[in-house]
Amino acid sequence: MLLPREKPFLTGLNSYYLDIEKFIQHLQGEIGSGCLYCNSADQELLVYFDEYDIVRAVTQNSGEHARVSDQLDHVLVSLQKKSFRVKIYYLDSDSIFFWGQMPAFRRAQKILTSDKLSLPDLIFRLNQKDFSGFIEVNVDGKKDCAVLFFHEGQRRGGSYYWGTGGLSPSDADYNTLLGMLQKNSGTYSVGYFTSDPLSPEMEVELEAEEGIIKPLDELPDKGYAPMPSEQASSELNKALNEFIAVFAQTVTSKRAKAEPLIDLKLKFIDFAGIYPQLIILNNHPGTIKNAFCCVFH
C-alpha cells in the first residue's frame, strides 16, 4: 500500500483494545479528515475518512490485489480475526479525496539510485512518456522521504516527511528534497497508475520494467522518438476509426456542400495535433481516398 510520508498523527496503537467504528467517529471530530492504517504480518487495512463519511476502505492480503469499498464491513471482518498495529495520518480537506480516490497502481520492481540518475533527470525522462503515477524517494541515512505525484508527466504535488496535510503543491518542499539529495545519496521507486479499478479480480499488464526503466538512459526527445511500425499501425487504425465516423456523418449531412474528400482532409488537419499519424494522410491525399473506399466497400 502507499501511505502519506508525513509523521503520523498517532502511532503505537493496537486494534485489540480499539472499537474502530467509535474510534473513527472520535477522529472525525478531532482532526476532521485522515486515514487509519492497520497492518499485521500478512494483511494491511486502510480507512480514509472525512469529517462526515467513510471515503474509502481498503483491505489487502500479502501478495494479493486490494479490495475496495465505501463501507467498513470487510475491514471490521478482518479486525475481528486478529490484532493489527494502528497508525493515524492527518490529511487535510484538499488532499483527503486525492488519497481516498487514488487509482490502482503497480510498482516497478527496480530500485533506482541517485548516484546513477538524478531525480530531476528521472522526472524529465518520465515526462517524455506522459507519466502518470508517483515516485517514492528515500534519503539514505535519514528519516527524510517523500512521494511525488504526477499526471501526464507534470508534477502535481508531494507528500513530504517534514510536511503536513498529505499533499503539498509547493515548489519549496520539492526544492528542499533536491537539496537533501545533493548532500546525501538516495533511492527512488516508481509506481504507475493503471486504468483499472482496485479489485481482487484486477488483471493489469504493466509495461515490462525494461520498457520503462531501462530506456531512461536511451530515451530520445519526445518529438523525435522512433515509433515501432506495429504501434504506429495500431494508432493509425484507431485514428481512422474515430475520424471515419465523423466523415460519414459529414457526407450524409444535408448541410454538407463541399467536396467530401475536402471535408475529410479538413477533419484530419483539425486533429493532427492529437494524432500525429494523420499528418501522413494529409501529405498523401491518395491515402485518404483509399481510406474512403475501404469505409464504403
Protein backbone atom coordinates (compact mmCIF):
# COMPACT_ATOMS: atom_id res chain seq x y z
CA MET A 1 0.00 0.00 0.00
CA LEU A 2 1.02 3.60 -0.46
CA LEU A 3 0.99 5.78 2.66
CA PRO A 4 1.47 9.50 3.34
CA ARG A 5 5.05 10.38 4.20
CA GLU A 6 4.22 12.94 6.90
CA LYS A 7 4.72 11.96 10.51
CA PRO A 8 1.68 10.07 11.84
CA PHE A 9 -0.81 11.96 13.97
CA LEU A 10 -0.98 8.92 16.28
CA THR A 11 1.08 5.74 16.41
CA GLY A 12 1.80 2.80 18.70
CA LEU A 13 -1.86 1.74 18.89
CA ASN A 14 -3.27 -1.79 18.70
CA SER A 15 -6.64 -2.78 17.30
CA TYR A 16 -7.13 -5.30 20.11
CA TYR A 17 -8.35 -2.63 22.51
CA LEU A 18 -9.96 -0.27 19.98
CA ASP A 19 -13.54 -0.09 18.84
CA ILE A 20 -12.62 1.02 15.32
CA GLU A 21 -16.01 2.44 14.39
CA LYS A 22 -16.20 4.61 17.51
CA PHE A 23 -12.51 5.48 17.20
CA ILE A 24 -13.04 6.77 13.66
CA GLN A 25 -16.01 8.82 14.84
CA HIS A 26 -13.76 10.33 17.50
CA LEU A 27 -11.09 11.14 14.90
CA GLN A 28 -13.68 12.77 12.63
CA GLY A 29 -14.49 15.13 15.46
CA GLU A 30 -10.88 15.76 16.46
CA ILE A 31 -8.90 16.05 13.21
CA GLY A 32 -11.70 16.07 10.63
CA SER A 33 -10.14 14.01 7.86
CA GLY A 34 -7.36 11.49 7.56
CA CYS A 35 -6.60 7.82 7.23
CA LEU A 36 -6.36 4.92 9.64
CA TYR A 37 -3.71 2.36 8.72
CA CYS A 38 -3.64 -1.12 10.22
CA ASN A 39 -1.05 -3.78 9.48
CA SER A 40 -0.30 -7.32 10.57
CA ALA A 41 2.17 -9.89 9.30
CA ASP A 42 0.04 -10.84 6.28
CA GLN A 43 -2.59 -8.13 5.83
CA GLU A 44 -2.98 -4.34 5.59
CA LEU A 45 -6.06 -2.20 6.10
CA LEU A 46 -6.68 1.44 5.18
CA VAL A 47 -9.67 3.59 6.03
CA TYR A 48 -9.92 7.10 4.58
CA PHE A 49 -12.43 9.38 6.24
CA ASP A 50 -13.56 12.99 6.21
CA GLU A 51 -15.49 14.71 8.97
CA TYR A 52 -18.78 13.20 7.79
CA ASP A 53 -18.24 9.91 6.00
CA ILE A 54 -16.01 6.99 5.15
CA VAL A 55 -14.36 7.95 1.88
CA ARG A 56 -12.82 4.56 1.13
CA ALA A 57 -11.90 1.36 2.93
CA VAL A 58 -9.18 -0.91 1.57
CA THR A 59 -8.03 -4.39 2.58
CA GLN A 60 -5.07 -6.18 1.06
CA ASN A 61 -3.65 -9.58 1.84
CA SER A 62 0.06 -10.09 1.28
CA GLY A 63 0.76 -10.88 -2.36
CA GLU A 64 -2.83 -10.22 -3.48
CA HIS A 65 -4.74 -7.36 -5.08
CA ALA A 66 -6.54 -4.89 -2.85
CA ARG A 67 -10.26 -4.92 -2.16
CA VAL A 68 -12.03 -1.58 -2.02
CA SER A 69 -15.35 -0.41 -0.62
CA ASP A 70 -17.04 2.71 0.69
CA GLN A 71 -18.20 0.68 3.70
CA LEU A 72 -16.28 -0.69 6.70
CA ASP A 73 -17.73 -4.20 6.55
CA HIS A 74 -14.72 -6.10 5.18
CA VAL A 75 -12.34 -4.08 7.38
CA LEU A 76 -14.33 -4.99 10.50
CA VAL A 77 -14.33 -8.67 9.50
CA SER A 78 -10.53 -8.64 9.33
CA LEU A 79 -10.23 -6.80 12.65
CA GLN A 80 -12.32 -9.49 14.35
CA LYS A 81 -9.91 -12.23 13.28
CA LYS A 82 -6.59 -10.83 14.55
CA SER A 83 -4.82 -7.86 16.04
CA PHE A 84 -3.27 -5.07 13.97
CA ARG A 85 -0.79 -2.31 14.69
CA VAL A 86 -2.55 1.01 14.10
CA LYS A 87 -1.36 4.41 12.87
CA ILE A 88 -3.35 7.56 12.14
CA TYR A 89 -2.39 10.12 9.48
CA TYR A 90 -3.91 13.56 9.22
CA LEU A 91 -4.99 14.52 5.68
CA ASP A 92 -6.35 18.00 5.11
CA SER A 93 -9.51 18.78 3.17
CA ASP A 94 -7.52 19.43 -0.02
CA SER A 95 -5.84 16.03 -0.02
CA ILE A 96 -8.30 13.57 1.53
CA PHE A 97 -10.15 12.85 -1.70
CA PHE A 98 -6.91 12.67 -3.68
CA TRP A 99 -5.66 9.94 -1.38
CA GLY A 100 -9.07 8.38 -0.87
CA GLN A 101 -9.81 8.11 -4.62
CA MET A 102 -6.31 7.24 -5.80
CA PRO A 103 -6.32 4.98 -8.88
CA ALA A 104 -5.00 1.45 -8.85
CA PHE A 105 -1.24 1.26 -9.33
CA ARG A 106 1.61 -1.13 -9.89
CA ARG A 107 5.16 -0.62 -8.66
CA ALA A 108 8.19 -1.23 -10.84
CA GLN A 109 10.48 -3.81 -9.29
CA LYS A 110 13.70 -1.97 -10.00
CA ILE A 111 15.01 0.50 -7.42
CA LEU A 112 16.96 3.44 -8.85
CA THR A 113 19.77 5.28 -7.08
CA SER A 114 20.67 8.96 -7.16
CA ASP A 115 24.32 8.03 -7.77
CA LYS A 116 23.39 6.82 -11.26
CA LEU A 117 20.40 9.03 -12.04
CA SER A 118 19.44 12.36 -10.50
CA LEU A 119 15.84 12.97 -9.50
CA PRO A 120 15.36 15.89 -11.96
CA ASP A 121 16.73 13.73 -14.77
CA LEU A 122 14.38 10.87 -13.85
CA ILE A 123 11.41 13.25 -13.79
CA PHE A 124 12.41 14.81 -17.11
CA ARG A 125 12.63 11.43 -18.81
CA LEU A 126 9.36 10.18 -17.37
CA ASN A 127 7.80 13.43 -18.54
CA GLN A 128 8.65 12.37 -22.09
CA LYS A 129 6.38 9.37 -21.56
CA ASP A 130 3.45 11.42 -20.18
CA PHE A 131 3.93 9.53 -16.94
CA SER A 132 1.01 9.29 -14.51
CA GLY A 133 1.90 7.82 -11.15
CA PHE A 134 4.31 8.51 -8.33
CA ILE A 135 7.97 8.39 -7.34
CA GLU A 136 8.86 7.33 -3.80
CA VAL A 137 12.07 8.97 -2.63
CA ASN A 138 14.18 7.95 0.36
CA VAL A 139 17.25 9.85 1.56
CA ASP A 140 19.94 7.41 2.68
CA GLY A 141 20.79 7.52 6.37
CA LYS A 142 17.89 9.82 7.26
CA LYS A 143 14.21 9.63 8.01
CA ASP A 144 13.55 12.22 5.34
CA CYS A 145 11.47 10.85 2.49
CA ALA A 146 8.76 11.88 0.07
CA VAL A 147 6.32 10.62 -2.52
CA LEU A 148 5.87 12.81 -5.61
CA PHE A 149 2.70 12.57 -7.72
CA PHE A 150 2.47 13.09 -11.47
CA HIS A 151 -0.29 13.39 -14.03
CA GLU A 152 0.63 13.06 -17.70
CA GLY A 153 4.22 14.00 -16.96
CA GLN A 154 3.51 17.01 -14.77
CA ARG A 155 4.29 17.09 -11.04
CA ARG A 156 1.04 17.72 -9.15
CA GLY A 157 2.31 17.73 -5.58
CA GLY A 158 4.01 15.63 -2.99
CA SER A 159 3.81 14.17 0.47
CA TYR A 160 6.91 15.04 2.49
CA TYR A 161 8.23 13.75 5.81
CA TRP A 162 8.61 17.29 7.14
CA GLY A 163 5.25 18.45 5.78
CA THR A 164 1.66 18.31 6.94
CA GLY A 165 -1.71 17.64 5.37
CA GLY A 166 -0.79 14.88 2.92
CA LEU A 167 -0.31 16.76 -0.36
CA SER A 168 1.86 19.83 -0.84
CA PRO A 169 1.99 21.55 -4.25
CA SER A 170 4.81 23.80 -3.01
CA ASP A 171 7.99 24.09 -5.08
CA ALA A 172 9.77 24.97 -1.84
CA ASP A 173 9.21 21.45 -0.46
CA TYR A 174 10.37 19.91 -3.73
CA ASN A 175 13.50 22.09 -3.73
CA THR A 176 14.18 21.10 -0.12
CA LEU A 177 14.11 17.47 -1.21
CA LEU A 178 16.51 18.19 -4.06
CA GLY A 179 18.87 19.91 -1.63
CA MET A 180 18.90 16.83 0.59
CA LEU A 181 19.70 14.60 -2.38
CA GLN A 182 22.62 16.84 -3.32
CA LYS A 183 24.16 16.30 0.12
CA ASN A 184 23.18 12.66 0.56
CA SER A 185 22.55 9.77 -1.79
CA GLY A 186 19.04 8.44 -2.16
CA THR A 187 16.85 5.84 -3.83
CA TYR A 188 13.72 6.07 -5.98
CA SER A 189 10.96 3.61 -6.72
CA VAL A 190 8.37 4.29 -9.41
CA GLY A 191 4.67 3.44 -9.34
CA TYR A 192 2.34 3.59 -12.35
CA PHE A 193 -1.36 4.37 -12.13
CA THR A 194 -3.46 1.90 -14.10
CA SER A 195 -6.86 2.41 -15.71
CA ASP A 196 -8.49 -0.50 -13.89
CA PRO A 197 -10.22 -0.17 -10.52
CA LEU A 198 -8.70 -1.83 -7.48
CA SER A 199 -10.33 -5.23 -7.00
CA PRO A 200 -9.40 -8.86 -6.30
CA GLU A 201 -10.00 -9.58 -10.00
CA MET A 202 -7.79 -6.79 -11.32
CA GLU A 203 -5.57 -8.13 -14.11
CA VAL A 204 -3.34 -5.35 -15.36
CA GLU A 205 -0.31 -5.90 -17.53
CA LEU A 206 2.27 -3.32 -16.55
CA GLU A 207 4.78 -2.47 -19.22
CA ALA A 208 7.86 -4.62 -18.73
CA GLU A 209 10.25 -2.89 -16.38
CA GLU A 210 12.89 -2.72 -19.07
CA GLY A 211 10.38 -0.83 -21.21
CA ILE A 212 10.12 1.96 -18.65
CA ILE A 213 13.25 1.97 -16.52
CA LYS A 214 15.98 0.70 -18.87
CA PRO A 215 15.34 3.23 -21.65
CA LEU A 216 15.73 6.12 -19.20
CA ASP A 217 19.35 6.25 -20.34
CA GLU A 218 18.38 5.91 -24.00
CA LEU A 219 15.13 7.84 -24.43
CA PRO A 220 15.31 10.45 -27.21
CA ASP A 221 13.44 13.72 -27.09
CA LYS A 222 9.68 13.26 -27.19
CA GLY A 223 9.18 14.78 -30.60
CA TYR A 224 11.80 12.54 -32.23
CA ALA A 225 11.19 9.19 -30.58
CA PRO A 226 11.02 6.47 -33.25
CA MET A 227 7.72 4.60 -33.24
CA PRO A 228 7.65 0.82 -33.94
CA SER A 229 5.66 0.00 -37.07
CA GLU A 230 3.14 -2.16 -35.21
CA GLN A 231 2.41 0.60 -32.69
CA ALA A 232 2.12 3.16 -35.50
CA SER A 233 -0.29 0.90 -37.37
CA SER A 234 -2.40 0.37 -34.26
CA GLU A 235 -2.63 4.08 -33.51
CA LEU A 236 -3.36 4.86 -37.15
CA ASN A 237 -6.21 2.36 -37.17
CA LYS A 238 -7.61 3.89 -34.00
CA ALA A 239 -7.41 7.36 -35.52
CA LEU A 240 -9.05 6.24 -38.76
CA ASN A 241 -11.89 4.51 -36.95
CA GLU A 242 -12.72 7.63 -34.98
CA PHE A 243 -12.49 10.07 -37.85
CA ILE A 244 -14.23 7.91 -40.39
CA ALA A 245 -17.28 8.11 -38.14
CA VAL A 246 -17.02 11.91 -38.25
CA PHE A 247 -16.58 11.81 -42.02
CA ALA A 248 -19.58 9.56 -42.57
CA GLN A 249 -21.68 11.95 -40.51
CA THR A 250 -20.37 14.89 -42.53
CA VAL A 251 -21.06 13.50 -46.02
CA THR A 252 -24.55 12.32 -45.08
CA SER A 253 -25.49 15.69 -43.62
CA LYS A 254 -27.79 17.84 -45.72
CA ARG A 255 -25.61 20.80 -44.85
CA ALA A 256 -22.55 19.29 -46.48
CA LYS A 257 -21.90 21.36 -49.57
CA ALA A 258 -18.17 20.91 -50.06
CA GLU A 259 -16.37 18.06 -51.79
CA PRO A 260 -16.48 15.07 -49.33
CA LEU A 261 -12.75 14.35 -49.51
CA ILE A 262 -12.01 18.01 -48.78
CA ASP A 263 -14.24 17.75 -45.70
CA LEU A 264 -12.40 14.64 -44.58
CA LYS A 265 -8.99 16.21 -45.11
CA LEU A 266 -10.02 19.26 -43.07
CA LYS A 267 -11.06 16.95 -40.22
CA PHE A 268 -7.66 15.24 -40.35
CA ILE A 269 -5.91 18.61 -40.26
CA ASP A 270 -8.02 19.72 -37.27
CA PHE A 271 -7.00 16.69 -35.24
CA ALA A 272 -3.44 16.14 -36.45
CA GLY A 273 -2.20 17.61 -33.16
CA ILE A 274 -3.87 14.76 -31.28
CA TYR A 275 -2.99 12.01 -33.75
CA PRO A 276 0.38 12.84 -35.38
CA GLN A 277 -0.03 9.83 -37.69
CA LEU A 278 -2.73 11.78 -39.56
CA ILE A 279 -0.02 14.09 -40.89
CA ILE A 280 0.89 11.18 -43.18
CA LEU A 281 -2.62 11.17 -44.60
CA ASN A 282 -2.56 14.94 -45.01
CA ASN A 283 0.65 14.75 -47.02
CA HIS A 284 -0.58 11.83 -49.12
CA PRO A 285 -4.12 12.54 -50.38
CA GLY A 286 -4.23 9.19 -52.14
CA THR A 287 -4.19 7.50 -48.75
CA ILE A 288 -7.32 9.42 -47.80
CA LYS A 289 -9.04 8.19 -50.95
CA ASN A 290 -8.05 4.62 -50.12
CA ALA A 291 -9.40 5.01 -46.59
CA PHE A 292 -12.64 6.44 -48.05
CA CYS A 293 -13.00 3.47 -50.37
CA CYS A 294 -12.41 0.97 -47.56
CA VAL A 295 -15.16 2.51 -45.44
CA PHE A 296 -17.83 2.20 -48.08
CA HIS A 297 -16.57 -1.07 -49.54
